Amino acid sequence: MPEVSKYDLEIQALKGEITLLGERISTIKDNHLHHIEEKINGLIKVMYTIGFMVLGQLLWVVTRALM
């Protein structure tokens, strides 16, 4: 009967940890990145809105100054 050495047990433990890390990376990639992307898209929309508001105010000032 083959002997199970200390190294074989350590290799099996490392394989289990690698599998667990792979699952965690998959969870982060599939779930958390989607939520982060949604938040970034919301911030971009806010920045565009503020930019258009500032541009509108600038155009209003310019048209009033030219009259």
C-alpha atoms as a PDB file:
ATOM      1  CA  MET A   1       0.000   0.000   0.000  1.00  0.00           C
ATOM      2  CA  PRO A   2       1.493   3.392  -0.928  1.00  0.00           C
ATOM      3  CA  GLU A   3       2.451   5.652   1.905  1.00  0.00           C
ATOM      4  CA  VAL A   4       0.929   9.104   2.086  1.00  0.00           C
ATOM      5  CA  SER A   5       3.771  11.463   2.761  1.00  0.00           C
ATOM      6  CA  LYS A   6       3.685  14.828   4.428  1.00  0.00           C
ATOM      7  CA  TYR A   7       4.304  16.470   1.069  1.00  0.00           C
ATOM      8  CA  ASP A   8       1.333  14.762  -0.547  1.00  0.00           C
ATOM      9  CA  LEU A   9      -0.930  16.147   2.168  1.00  0.00           C
ATOM     10  CA  GLU A  10       0.518  19.626   1.715  1.00  0.00           C
ATOM     11  CA  ILE A  11       0.013  19.394  -2.058  1.00  0.00           C
ATOM     12  CA  GLN A  12      -3.626  18.435  -1.560  1.00  0.00           C
ATOM     13  CA  ALA A  13      -4.104  21.361   0.842  1.00  0.00           C
ATOM     14  CA  LEU A  14      -2.543  23.744  -1.687  1.00  0.00           C
ATOM     15  CA  LYS A  15      -4.787  22.415  -4.452  1.00  0.00           C
ATOM     16  CA  GLY A  16      -7.813  23.120  -2.261  1.00  0.00           C
ATOM     17  CA  GLU A  17      -6.622  26.650  -1.555  1.00  0.00           C
ATOM     18  CA  ILE A  18      -5.993  27.290  -5.250  1.00  0.00           C
ATOM     19  CA  THR A  19      -9.503  26.099  -6.073  1.00  0.00           C
ATOM     20  CA  LEU A  20     -10.935  28.396  -3.405  1.00  0.00           C
ATOM     21  CA  LEU A  21      -8.934  31.343  -4.744  1.00  0.00           C
ATOM     22  CA  GLY A  22     -10.223  30.621  -8.242  1.00  0.00           C
ATOM     23  CA  GLU A  23     -13.812  30.707  -6.987  1.00  0.00           C
ATOM     24  CA  ARG A  24     -13.212  33.988  -5.147  1.00  0.00           C
ATOM     25  CA  ILE A  25     -11.664  35.587  -8.240  1.00  0.00           C
ATOM     26  CA  SER A  26     -14.630  34.433 -10.294  1.00  0.00           C
ATOM     27  CA  THR A  27     -17.036  35.957  -7.763  1.00  0.00           C
ATOM     28  CA  ILE A  28     -15.182  39.264  -7.789  1.00  0.00           C
ATOM     29  CA  LYS A  29     -15.013  39.310 -11.580  1.00  0.00           C
ATOM     30  CA  ASP A  30     -18.645  38.399 -12.153  1.00  0.00           C
ATOM     31  CA  ASN A  31     -20.373  40.249  -9.343  1.00  0.00           C
ATOM     32  CA  HIS A  32     -18.369  43.063  -7.818  1.00  0.00           C
ATOM     33  CA  LEU A  33     -16.968  44.477 -11.045  1.00  0.00           C
ATOM     34  CA  HIS A  34     -20.490  44.808 -12.416  1.00  0.00           C
ATOM     35  CA  HIS A  35     -21.539  46.930  -9.434  1.00  0.00           C
ATOM     36  CA  ILE A  36     -18.400  49.053  -9.645  1.00  0.00           C
ATOM     37  CA  GLU A  37     -19.049  49.619 -13.353  1.00  0.00           C
ATOM     38  CA  GLU A  38     -22.619  50.761 -12.606  1.00  0.00           C
ATOM     39  CA  LYS A  39     -21.359  53.260 -10.018  1.00  0.00           C
ATOM     40  CA  ILE A  40     -18.719  54.628 -12.389  1.00  0.00           C
ATOM     41  CA  ASN A  41     -21.318  55.018 -15.145  1.00  0.00           C
ATOM     42  CA  GLY A  42     -23.524  56.951 -12.715  1.00  0.00           C
ATOM     43  CA  LEU A  43     -20.636  59.263 -11.837  1.00  0.00           C
ATOM     44  CA  ILE A  44     -19.910  59.861 -15.504  1.00  0.00           C
ATOM     45  CA  LYS A  45     -23.542  60.847 -16.097  1.00  0.00           C
ATOM     46  CA  VAL A  46     -23.358  63.305 -13.182  1.00  0.00           C
ATOM     47  CA  MET A  47     -20.135  64.796 -14.540  1.00  0.00           C
ATOM     48  CA  TYR A  48     -21.689  65.287 -18.012  1.00  0.00           C
ATOM     49  CA  THR A  49     -24.761  66.900 -16.453  1.00  0.00           C
ATOM     50  CA  ILE A  50     -22.628  69.335 -14.451  1.00  0.00           C
ATOM     51  CA  GLY A  51     -20.519  70.060 -17.537  1.00  0.00           C
ATOM     52  CA  PHE A  52     -23.576  70.914 -19.632  1.00  0.00           C
ATOM     53  CA  MET A  53     -24.951  73.117 -16.859  1.00  0.00           C
ATOM     54  CA  VAL A  54     -21.675  75.037 -16.643  1.00  0.00           C
ATOM     55  CA  LEU A  55     -21.546  75.345 -20.433  1.00  0.00           C
ATOM     56  CA  GLY A  56     -25.113  76.677 -20.463  1.00  0.00           C
ATOM     57  CA  GLN A  57     -24.296  79.270 -17.810  1.00  0.00           C
ATOM     58  CA  LEU A  58     -21.175  80.305 -19.703  1.00  0.00           C
ATOM     59  CA  LEU A  59     -23.153  80.761 -22.917  1.00  0.00           C
ATOM     60  CA  TRP A  60     -25.775  82.770 -21.034  1.00  0.00           C
ATOM     61  CA  VAL A  61     -23.080  85.081 -19.630  1.00  0.00           C
ATOM     62  CA  VAL A  62     -21.505  85.513 -23.054  1.00  0.00           C
ATOM     63  CA  THR A  63     -24.834  86.338 -24.720  1.00  0.00           C
ATOM     64  CA  ARG A  64     -25.676  88.860 -21.980  1.00  0.00           C
ATOM     65  CA  ALA A  65     -22.256  90.463 -22.303  1.00  0.00           C
ATOM     66  CA  LEU A  66     -22.652  90.880 -26.067  1.00  0.00           C
ATOM     67  CA  MET A  67     -26.056  92.591 -25.812  1.00  0.00           C
END
